Amino acid sequence: MSTVASVVLAAGSGTRFGHSMNKVWLQLNGKHIISRSLENSRSNFSHVRSILVINPDDEEFARDALAKDGALTNTEIVHGGATRHESEYKALQYLKGDIEAGLIDLVLIHDGARPLATPELFVAIADGAQTDGGAIPTIALDPREMDTARDETVARVQTPQGFRAAQLLQAYEKAAVSGFVGTDTAACMEKFFPEVNTVAVPGDIFNIKITYPQDLAIAELLVPVQQITHQFNLFFRIYAGAIWLCLNYSGFCRIKQRNKPG
């Protein structure tokens, strides 16, 4: 079974949000945004390292906030850099020894400002990365959203983005030497390992990034909807499973009846 390192990025400043602190430390339906991101990033894995990358200036507040949400346990805190790329690099350097020792197979990197990415999406990305080398969640754009007509499919890319750990570490170390700075994890992998078949996994329309105040207002409305949807899906799976058992048990009984000595 693969060991996953789930890296959640939260080292930004929140400038675009217009708040005095990083937006991930704001509340979303009774929990800090980052706590929801952390919990979703690790809850469906049996073997996982949970890494939170923060601004060093936020550490005291971060530990207090996570403790209040019950999210501090099993969270490893790493100091990030001035850019997203640098924060990713620092997380990988923190994990380097275990990656090189073969103790970590896959690394998933997620934007902490996407608190509605579901645990199921993280698992789907990990499965894709394990099978194909890399996986990213995407949602195809409606042609009406684009200024010009295109023959190829254009998609929005979300996080988490997952890759095999050893190659991802090598890519970021090569980037450090060459001075390359990627816009996201997949861009760095494409630059240094173009042969890796990064697969597109269906994204989630609820997996919005909280960038502006209106995004937080939307997320507040989506949380209960997502919970109801999850409960319905769970009920449906249980119901379908019960029907399957009944049908199979009924079929088994009919077979026994037909084979009964007369």
C-alpha atoms as a PDB file:
ATOM      1  CA  MET A   1       0.000   0.000   0.000  1.00  0.00           C
ATOM      2  CA  SER A   2       1.333   3.419  -0.982  1.00  0.00           C
ATOM      3  CA  THR A   3       2.403   5.929   1.619  1.00  0.00           C
ATOM      4  CA  VAL A   4       1.134   9.391   0.744  1.00  0.00           C
ATOM      5  CA  ALA A   5       2.496  12.763   1.829  1.00  0.00           C
ATOM      6  CA  SER A   6      -0.351  15.247   1.640  1.00  0.00           C
ATOM      7  CA  VAL A   7       1.063  18.782   1.498  1.00  0.00           C
ATOM      8  CA  VAL A   8      -1.302  21.692   2.124  1.00  0.00           C
ATOM      9  CA  LEU A   9      -0.003  25.135   1.191  1.00  0.00           C
ATOM     10  CA  ALA A  10      -0.910  28.057   3.461  1.00  0.00           C
ATOM     11  CA  ALA A  11       2.049  30.438   3.349  1.00  0.00           C
ATOM     12  CA  GLY A  12       0.372  33.259   1.417  1.00  0.00           C
ATOM     13  CA  SER A  13      -0.465  36.724   2.653  1.00  0.00           C
ATOM     14  CA  GLY A  14      -4.128  37.052   1.668  1.00  0.00           C
ATOM     15  CA  THR A  15      -3.499  40.381  -0.097  1.00  0.00           C
ATOM     16  CA  ARG A  16      -6.171  39.882  -2.766  1.00  0.00           C
ATOM     17  CA  PHE A  17      -8.710  38.928  -0.137  1.00  0.00           C
ATOM     18  CA  GLY A  18      -8.218  42.332   1.478  1.00  0.00           C
ATOM     19  CA  HIS A  19      -7.755  41.030   5.024  1.00  0.00           C
ATOM     20  CA  SER A  20      -4.979  41.708   7.516  1.00  0.00           C
ATOM     21  CA  MET A  21      -4.206  37.968   7.773  1.00  0.00           C
ATOM     22  CA  ASN A  22      -3.997  35.044   5.391  1.00  0.00           C
ATOM     23  CA  LYS A  23      -7.530  34.058   4.375  1.00  0.00           C
ATOM     24  CA  VAL A  24      -6.972  30.415   5.332  1.00  0.00           C
ATOM     25  CA  TRP A  25      -7.119  31.433   9.007  1.00  0.00           C
ATOM     26  CA  LEU A  26     -10.646  32.789   8.647  1.00  0.00           C
ATOM     27  CA  GLN A  27     -13.673  30.808   9.787  1.00  0.00           C
ATOM     28  CA  LEU A  28     -15.833  28.729   7.455  1.00  0.00           C
ATOM     29  CA  ASN A  29     -18.971  27.289   9.065  1.00  0.00           C
ATOM     30  CA  GLY A  30     -17.424  27.028  12.517  1.00  0.00           C
ATOM     31  CA  LYS A  31     -13.931  25.874  11.539  1.00  0.00           C
ATOM     32  CA  HIS A  32     -10.887  27.605  10.148  1.00  0.00           C
ATOM     33  CA  ILE A  33     -10.602  27.221   6.382  1.00  0.00           C
ATOM     34  CA  ILE A  34      -7.239  25.492   6.685  1.00  0.00           C
ATOM     35  CA  SER A  35      -8.559  22.928   9.168  1.00  0.00           C
ATOM     36  CA  ARG A  36     -11.148  21.792   6.636  1.00  0.00           C
ATOM     37  CA  SER A  37      -8.461  21.523   3.950  1.00  0.00           C
ATOM     38  CA  LEU A  38      -6.211  19.466   6.229  1.00  0.00           C
ATOM     39  CA  GLU A  39      -8.931  17.095   7.353  1.00  0.00           C
ATOM     40  CA  ASN A  40     -10.123  16.425   3.812  1.00  0.00           C
ATOM     41  CA  SER A  41      -6.557  15.900   2.595  1.00  0.00           C
ATOM     42  CA  ARG A  42      -5.847  13.006   4.945  1.00  0.00           C
ATOM     43  CA  SER A  43      -9.062  11.443   6.216  1.00  0.00           C
ATOM     44  CA  ASN A  44      -9.394   8.701   3.567  1.00  0.00           C
ATOM     45  CA  PHE A  45      -5.783   7.477   3.638  1.00  0.00           C
ATOM     46  CA  SER A  46      -4.532   4.740   5.950  1.00  0.00           C
ATOM     47  CA  HIS A  47      -0.850   5.631   5.452  1.00  0.00           C
ATOM     48  CA  VAL A  48      -0.407   9.396   5.211  1.00  0.00           C
ATOM     49  CA  ARG A  49       1.959  12.167   6.275  1.00  0.00           C
ATOM     50  CA  SER A  50       0.059  15.428   6.723  1.00  0.00           C
ATOM     51  CA  ILE A  51       2.224  18.484   5.996  1.00  0.00           C
ATOM     52  CA  LEU A  52       1.086  22.077   6.461  1.00  0.00           C
ATOM     53  CA  VAL A  53       3.261  24.798   4.898  1.00  0.00           C
ATOM     54  CA  ILE A  54       2.845  28.190   6.567  1.00  0.00           C
ATOM     55  CA  ASN A  55       4.355  31.646   6.807  1.00  0.00           C
ATOM     56  CA  PRO A  56       6.823  31.548   9.736  1.00  0.00           C
ATOM     57  CA  ASP A  57       5.121  34.619  11.198  1.00  0.00           C
ATOM     58  CA  ASP A  58       1.857  32.660  11.488  1.00  0.00           C
ATOM     59  CA  GLU A  59       3.157  29.710  13.487  1.00  0.00           C
ATOM     60  CA  GLU A  60       1.895  30.660  16.943  1.00  0.00           C
ATOM     61  CA  PHE A  61      -1.544  31.552  15.612  1.00  0.00           C
ATOM     62  CA  ALA A  62      -1.568  28.444  13.408  1.00  0.00           C
ATOM     63  CA  ARG A  63      -0.903  26.039  16.255  1.00  0.00           C
ATOM     64  CA  ASP A  64      -3.558  27.674  18.409  1.00  0.00           C
ATOM     65  CA  ALA A  65      -6.158  27.695  15.619  1.00  0.00           C
ATOM     66  CA  LEU A  66      -5.525  24.079  14.632  1.00  0.00           C
ATOM     67  CA  ALA A  67      -5.648  22.950  18.273  1.00  0.00           C
ATOM     68  CA  LYS A  68      -9.052  24.611  18.713  1.00  0.00           C
ATOM     69  CA  ASP A  69     -10.354  22.765  15.649  1.00  0.00           C
ATOM     70  CA  GLY A  70      -8.827  19.457  16.727  1.00  0.00           C
ATOM     71  CA  ALA A  71      -6.682  19.471  13.584  1.00  0.00           C
ATOM     72  CA  LEU A  72      -3.194  19.881  15.084  1.00  0.00           C
ATOM     73  CA  THR A  73      -2.635  16.212  15.895  1.00  0.00           C
ATOM     74  CA  ASN A  74      -0.597  14.455  13.192  1.00  0.00           C
ATOM     75  CA  THR A  75       0.008  17.753  11.383  1.00  0.00           C
ATOM     76  CA  GLU A  76       3.652  18.494  10.582  1.00  0.00           C
ATOM     77  CA  ILE A  77       4.323  22.201  10.169  1.00  0.00           C
ATOM     78  CA  VAL A  78       6.891  23.457   7.663  1.00  0.00           C
ATOM     79  CA  HIS A  79       7.905  27.065   7.009  1.00  0.00           C
ATOM     80  CA  GLY A  80       7.180  28.129   3.458  1.00  0.00           C
ATOM     81  CA  GLY A  81       8.795  30.635   1.116  1.00  0.00           C
ATOM     82  CA  ALA A  82       7.963  33.861  -0.651  1.00  0.00           C
ATOM     83  CA  THR A  83       6.233  32.116  -3.582  1.00  0.00           C
ATOM     84  CA  ARG A  84       4.052  29.073  -4.075  1.00  0.00           C
ATOM     85  CA  HIS A  85       6.871  27.330  -5.935  1.00  0.00           C
ATOM     86  CA  GLU A  86       9.340  28.011  -3.124  1.00  0.00           C
ATOM     87  CA  SER A  87       6.877  26.692  -0.533  1.00  0.00           C
ATOM     88  CA  GLU A  88       6.469  23.488  -2.550  1.00  0.00           C
ATOM     89  CA  TYR A  89      10.245  23.161  -2.778  1.00  0.00           C
ATOM     90  CA  LYS A  90      10.655  23.602   0.989  1.00  0.00           C
ATOM     91  CA  ALA A  91       8.020  20.969   1.686  1.00  0.00           C
ATOM     92  CA  LEU A  92       9.798  18.516  -0.603  1.00  0.00           C
ATOM     93  CA  GLN A  93      13.143  19.275   1.024  1.00  0.00           C
ATOM     94  CA  TYR A  94      11.555  18.560   4.403  1.00  0.00           C
ATOM     95  CA  LEU A  95      10.404  15.182   3.063  1.00  0.00           C
ATOM     96  CA  LYS A  96      13.572  14.480   1.065  1.00  0.00           C
ATOM     97  CA  GLY A  97      15.150  11.958   3.415  1.00  0.00           C
ATOM     98  CA  ASP A  98      12.034   9.812   3.596  1.00  0.00           C
ATOM     99  CA  ILE A  99      11.383  10.086  -0.146  1.00  0.00           C
ATOM    100  CA  GLU A 100      14.913   8.940  -0.959  1.00  0.00           C
ATOM    101  CA  ALA A 101      14.613   6.127   1.604  1.00  0.00           C
ATOM    102  CA  GLY A 102      11.476   4.899  -0.173  1.00  0.00           C
ATOM    103  CA  LEU A 103       9.207   5.656   2.781  1.00  0.00           C
ATOM    104  CA  ILE A 104       6.986   8.019   0.778  1.00  0.00           C
ATOM    105  CA  ASP A 105       5.616   6.885  -2.577  1.00  0.00           C
ATOM    106  CA  LEU A 106       3.324   9.737  -3.590  1.00  0.00           C
ATOM    107  CA  VAL A 107       3.115  13.451  -2.876  1.00  0.00           C
ATOM    108  CA  LEU A 108      -0.114  15.390  -3.215  1.00  0.00           C
ATOM    109  CA  ILE A 109       0.085  19.186  -3.132  1.00  0.00           C
ATOM    110  CA  HIS A 110      -3.046  21.150  -2.339  1.00  0.00           C
ATOM    111  CA  ASP A 111      -3.961  24.807  -2.045  1.00  0.00           C
ATOM    112  CA  GLY A 112      -5.145  25.420   1.517  1.00  0.00           C
ATOM    113  CA  ALA A 113      -7.642  27.970   0.195  1.00  0.00           C
ATOM    114  CA  ARG A 114      -9.647  25.124  -1.395  1.00  0.00           C
ATOM    115  CA  PRO A 115     -11.379  23.730   1.706  1.00  0.00           C
ATOM    116  CA  LEU A 116     -14.157  21.928  -0.191  1.00  0.00           C
ATOM    117  CA  ALA A 117     -11.955  19.459  -2.048  1.00  0.00           C
ATOM    118  CA  THR A 118     -13.402  16.160  -0.891  1.00  0.00           C
ATOM    119  CA  PRO A 119     -11.487  13.237   0.636  1.00  0.00           C
ATOM    120  CA  GLU A 120     -12.660  11.184  -2.354  1.00  0.00           C
ATOM    121  CA  LEU A 121     -10.949  13.607  -4.746  1.00  0.00           C
ATOM    122  CA  PHE A 122      -7.660  13.207  -2.873  1.00  0.00           C
ATOM    123  CA  VAL A 123      -7.928   9.433  -3.181  1.00  0.00           C
ATOM    124  CA  ALA A 124      -8.734   9.672  -6.896  1.00  0.00           C
ATOM    125  CA  ILE A 125      -5.657  11.858  -7.456  1.00  0.00           C
ATOM    126  CA  ALA A 126      -3.463   9.469  -5.479  1.00  0.00           C
ATOM    127  CA  ASP A 127      -4.772   6.508  -7.488  1.00  0.00           C
ATOM    128  CA  GLY A 128      -4.058   8.321 -10.752  1.00  0.00           C
ATOM    129  CA  ALA A 129      -0.557   9.290  -9.662  1.00  0.00           C
ATOM    130  CA  GLN A 130       0.205   5.754  -8.554  1.00  0.00           C
ATOM    131  CA  THR A 131      -0.984   4.256 -11.833  1.00  0.00           C
ATOM    132  CA  ASP A 132       0.200   6.827 -14.374  1.00  0.00           C
ATOM    133  CA  GLY A 133       2.853   8.902 -12.589  1.00  0.00           C
ATOM    134  CA  GLY A 134       0.796  12.047 -12.119  1.00  0.00           C
ATOM    135  CA  ALA A 135      -2.787  13.243 -11.800  1.00  0.00           C
ATOM    136  CA  ILE A 136      -4.574  16.583 -11.668  1.00  0.00           C
ATOM    137  CA  PRO A 137      -8.270  17.468 -11.251  1.00  0.00           C
ATOM    138  CA  THR A 138      -9.805  19.356 -14.162  1.00  0.00           C
ATOM    139  CA  ILE A 139     -13.148  20.800 -15.227  1.00  0.00           C
ATOM    140  CA  ALA A 140     -13.730  21.472 -18.927  1.00  0.00           C
ATOM    141  CA  LEU A 141     -14.578  25.049 -19.816  1.00  0.00           C
ATOM    142  CA  ASP A 142     -17.821  25.798 -21.587  1.00  0.00           C
ATOM    143  CA  PRO A 143     -16.928  27.202 -25.065  1.00  0.00           C
ATOM    144  CA  ARG A 144     -19.116  30.218 -24.249  1.00  0.00           C
ATOM    145  CA  GLU A 145     -16.659  31.171 -21.494  1.00  0.00           C
ATOM    146  CA  MET A 146     -13.834  31.698 -24.028  1.00  0.00           C
ATOM    147  CA  ASP A 147     -13.131  34.661 -26.278  1.00  0.00           C
ATOM    148  CA  THR A 148     -12.039  32.565 -29.253  1.00  0.00           C
ATOM    149  CA  ALA A 149     -13.209  29.246 -30.672  1.00  0.00           C
ATOM    150  CA  ARG A 150     -10.868  26.291 -30.089  1.00  0.00           C
ATOM    151  CA  ASP A 151     -10.848  22.778 -31.442  1.00  0.00           C
ATOM    152  CA  GLU A 152      -9.148  21.314 -28.378  1.00  0.00           C
ATOM    153  CA  THR A 153     -10.721  20.998 -24.946  1.00  0.00           C
ATOM    154  CA  VAL A 154      -9.714  23.741 -22.520  1.00  0.00           C
ATOM    155  CA  ALA A 155     -10.017  22.978 -18.827  1.00  0.00           C
ATOM    156  CA  ARG A 156      -9.684  24.644 -15.455  1.00  0.00           C
ATOM    157  CA  VAL A 157      -7.086  22.928 -13.307  1.00  0.00           C
ATOM    158  CA  GLN A 158      -7.676  22.503  -9.583  1.00  0.00           C
ATOM    159  CA  THR A 159      -5.757  20.993  -6.686  1.00  0.00           C
ATOM    160  CA  PRO A 160      -4.763  18.599  -5.199  1.00  0.00           C
ATOM    161  CA  GLN A 161      -2.168  17.624  -7.783  1.00  0.00           C
ATOM    162  CA  GLY A 162      -0.327  14.361  -7.208  1.00  0.00           C
ATOM    163  CA  PHE A 163       2.868  12.757  -8.499  1.00  0.00           C
ATOM    164  CA  ARG A 164       5.269   9.982  -7.677  1.00  0.00           C
ATOM    165  CA  ALA A 165       7.433  11.322  -4.912  1.00  0.00           C
ATOM    166  CA  ALA A 166      10.918  10.615  -6.251  1.00  0.00           C
ATOM    167  CA  GLN A 167      10.289  12.265  -9.619  1.00  0.00           C
ATOM    168  CA  LEU A 168       8.583  15.258  -8.030  1.00  0.00           C
ATOM    169  CA  LEU A 169      11.536  15.835  -5.721  1.00  0.00           C
ATOM    170  CA  GLN A 170      13.953  15.608  -8.653  1.00  0.00           C
ATOM    171  CA  ALA A 171      11.870  18.055 -10.685  1.00  0.00           C
ATOM    172  CA  TYR A 172      11.946  20.705  -7.966  1.00  0.00           C
ATOM    173  CA  GLU A 173      15.656  20.244  -7.353  1.00  0.00           C
ATOM    174  CA  LYS A 174      16.295  20.695 -11.083  1.00  0.00           C
ATOM    175  CA  ALA A 175      14.109  23.790 -10.986  1.00  0.00           C
ATOM    176  CA  ALA A 176      16.168  25.187  -8.113  1.00  0.00           C
ATOM    177  CA  VAL A 177      19.360  24.783 -10.153  1.00  0.00           C
ATOM    178  CA  SER A 178      17.935  26.242 -13.369  1.00  0.00           C
ATOM    179  CA  GLY A 179      15.899  29.025 -11.785  1.00  0.00           C
ATOM    180  CA  PHE A 180      12.618  27.744 -13.201  1.00  0.00           C
ATOM    181  CA  VAL A 181       9.467  28.805 -11.322  1.00  0.00           C
ATOM    182  CA  GLY A 182       6.270  26.959 -12.158  1.00  0.00           C
ATOM    183  CA  THR A 183       2.741  28.275 -11.843  1.00  0.00           C
ATOM    184  CA  ASP A 184       1.697  25.029 -10.170  1.00  0.00           C
ATOM    185  CA  THR A 185       3.018  21.561  -9.393  1.00  0.00           C
ATOM    186  CA  ALA A 186       2.081  20.119 -12.774  1.00  0.00           C
ATOM    187  CA  ALA A 187       3.974  22.886 -14.604  1.00  0.00           C
ATOM    188  CA  CYS A 188       7.224  21.944 -12.876  1.00  0.00           C
ATOM    189  CA  MET A 189       6.738  18.255 -13.628  1.00  0.00           C
ATOM    190  CA  GLU A 190       5.939  19.001 -17.268  1.00  0.00           C
ATOM    191  CA  LYS A 191       9.115  21.065 -17.563  1.00  0.00           C
ATOM    192  CA  PHE A 192      11.515  18.433 -16.228  1.00  0.00           C
ATOM    193  CA  PHE A 193       9.644  15.161 -16.777  1.00  0.00           C
ATOM    194  CA  PRO A 194       7.600  15.685 -19.962  1.00  0.00           C
ATOM    195  CA  GLU A 195       7.470  11.928 -20.442  1.00  0.00           C
ATOM    196  CA  VAL A 196       5.291  11.514 -17.343  1.00  0.00           C
ATOM    197  CA  ASN A 197       1.705  10.822 -18.362  1.00  0.00           C
ATOM    198  CA  THR A 198      -0.205  13.218 -16.116  1.00  0.00           C
ATOM    199  CA  VAL A 199      -3.837  12.143 -16.251  1.00  0.00           C
ATOM    200  CA  ALA A 200      -6.853  14.403 -15.858  1.00  0.00           C
ATOM    201  CA  VAL A 201      -9.194  13.331 -13.072  1.00  0.00           C
ATOM    202  CA  PRO A 202     -12.726  14.796 -13.013  1.00  0.00           C
ATOM    203  CA  GLY A 203     -12.674  17.843 -10.754  1.00  0.00           C
ATOM    204  CA  ASP A 204     -15.430  19.027  -8.448  1.00  0.00           C
ATOM    205  CA  ILE A 205     -17.516  22.135  -9.099  1.00  0.00           C
ATOM    206  CA  PHE A 206     -17.673  22.705  -5.327  1.00  0.00           C
ATOM    207  CA  ASN A 207     -13.856  22.770  -5.135  1.00  0.00           C
ATOM    208  CA  ILE A 208     -13.640  26.547  -5.370  1.00  0.00           C
ATOM    209  CA  LYS A 209     -10.618  28.580  -4.359  1.00  0.00           C
ATOM    210  CA  ILE A 210     -11.309  31.257  -1.755  1.00  0.00           C
ATOM    211  CA  THR A 211      -9.564  34.295  -3.188  1.00  0.00           C
ATOM    212  CA  TYR A 212     -12.004  37.148  -2.593  1.00  0.00           C
ATOM    213  CA  PRO A 213     -14.614  37.855   0.137  1.00  0.00           C
ATOM    214  CA  GLN A 214     -17.458  36.768  -2.148  1.00  0.00           C
ATOM    215  CA  ASP A 215     -15.793  33.355  -2.506  1.00  0.00           C
ATOM    216  CA  LEU A 216     -16.021  32.842   1.250  1.00  0.00           C
ATOM    217  CA  ALA A 217     -19.709  33.768   1.169  1.00  0.00           C
ATOM    218  CA  ILE A 218     -20.273  31.186  -1.573  1.00  0.00           C
ATOM    219  CA  ALA A 219     -18.335  28.543   0.369  1.00  0.00           C
ATOM    220  CA  GLU A 220     -20.504  29.206   3.436  1.00  0.00           C
ATOM    221  CA  LEU A 221     -23.523  28.243   1.332  1.00  0.00           C
ATOM    222  CA  LEU A 222     -21.816  25.228  -0.255  1.00  0.00           C
ATOM    223  CA  VAL A 223     -20.670  23.506   2.954  1.00  0.00           C
ATOM    224  CA  PRO A 224     -24.152  22.339   4.049  1.00  0.00           C
ATOM    225  CA  VAL A 225     -25.064  21.425   0.457  1.00  0.00           C
ATOM    226  CA  GLN A 226     -21.904  19.325   0.183  1.00  0.00           C
ATOM    227  CA  GLN A 227     -22.676  17.606   3.486  1.00  0.00           C
ATOM    228  CA  ILE A 228     -26.218  16.741   2.358  1.00  0.00           C
ATOM    229  CA  THR A 229     -24.889  15.469  -0.983  1.00  0.00           C
ATOM    230  CA  HIS A 230     -22.322  13.291   0.800  1.00  0.00           C
ATOM    231  CA  GLN A 231     -24.974  11.871   3.136  1.00  0.00           C
ATOM    232  CA  PHE A 232     -27.275  11.145   0.188  1.00  0.00           C
ATOM    233  CA  ASN A 233     -24.468   9.408  -1.718  1.00  0.00           C
ATOM    234  CA  LEU A 234     -23.623   7.354   1.366  1.00  0.00           C
ATOM    235  CA  PHE A 235     -27.275   6.401   1.821  1.00  0.00           C
ATOM    236  CA  PHE A 236     -27.542   5.516  -1.877  1.00  0.00           C
ATOM    237  CA  ARG A 237     -24.457   3.272  -1.698  1.00  0.00           C
ATOM    238  CA  ILE A 238     -25.795   1.515   1.411  1.00  0.00           C
ATOM    239  CA  TYR A 239     -29.236   1.141  -0.180  1.00  0.00           C
ATOM    240  CA  ALA A 240     -27.774  -0.171  -3.440  1.00  0.00           C
ATOM    241  CA  GLY A 241     -25.570  -2.573  -1.509  1.00  0.00           C
ATOM    242  CA  ALA A 242     -28.549  -3.876   0.445  1.00  0.00           C
ATOM    243  CA  ILE A 243     -30.525  -4.423  -2.792  1.00  0.00           C
ATOM    244  CA  TRP A 244     -27.543  -6.248  -4.309  1.00  0.00           C
ATOM    245  CA  LEU A 245     -27.317  -8.536  -1.269  1.00  0.00           C
ATOM    246  CA  CYS A 246     -31.043  -9.234  -1.343  1.00  0.00           C
ATOM    247  CA  LEU A 247     -30.982 -10.054  -5.055  1.00  0.00           C
ATOM    248  CA  ASN A 248     -27.962 -12.320  -4.695  1.00  0.00           C
ATOM    249  CA  TYR A 249     -29.364 -14.017  -1.618  1.00  0.00           C
ATOM    250  CA  SER A 250     -32.670 -14.539  -3.440  1.00  0.00           C
ATOM    251  CA  GLY A 251     -30.840 -16.000  -6.417  1.00  0.00           C
ATOM    252  CA  PHE A 252     -28.809 -18.276  -4.150  1.00  0.00           C
ATOM    253  CA  CYS A 253     -32.008 -19.552  -2.507  1.00  0.00           C
ATOM    254  CA  ARG A 254     -33.591 -20.257  -5.929  1.00  0.00           C
ATOM    255  CA  ILE A 255     -30.507 -22.208  -6.993  1.00  0.00           C
ATOM    256  CA  LYS A 256     -30.669 -24.282  -3.815  1.00  0.00           C
ATOM    257  CA  GLN A 257     -34.357 -24.897  -4.376  1.00  0.00           C
ATOM    258  CA  ARG A 258     -33.796 -26.065  -7.964  1.00  0.00           C
ATOM    259  CA  ASN A 259     -30.986 -28.371  -6.886  1.00  0.00           C
ATOM    260  CA  LYS A 260     -32.944 -29.844  -3.979  1.00  0.00           C
ATOM    261  CA  PRO A 261     -33.338 -33.632  -4.413  1.00  0.00           C
ATOM    262  CA  GLY A 262     -36.941 -34.443  -5.340  1.00  0.00           C
END
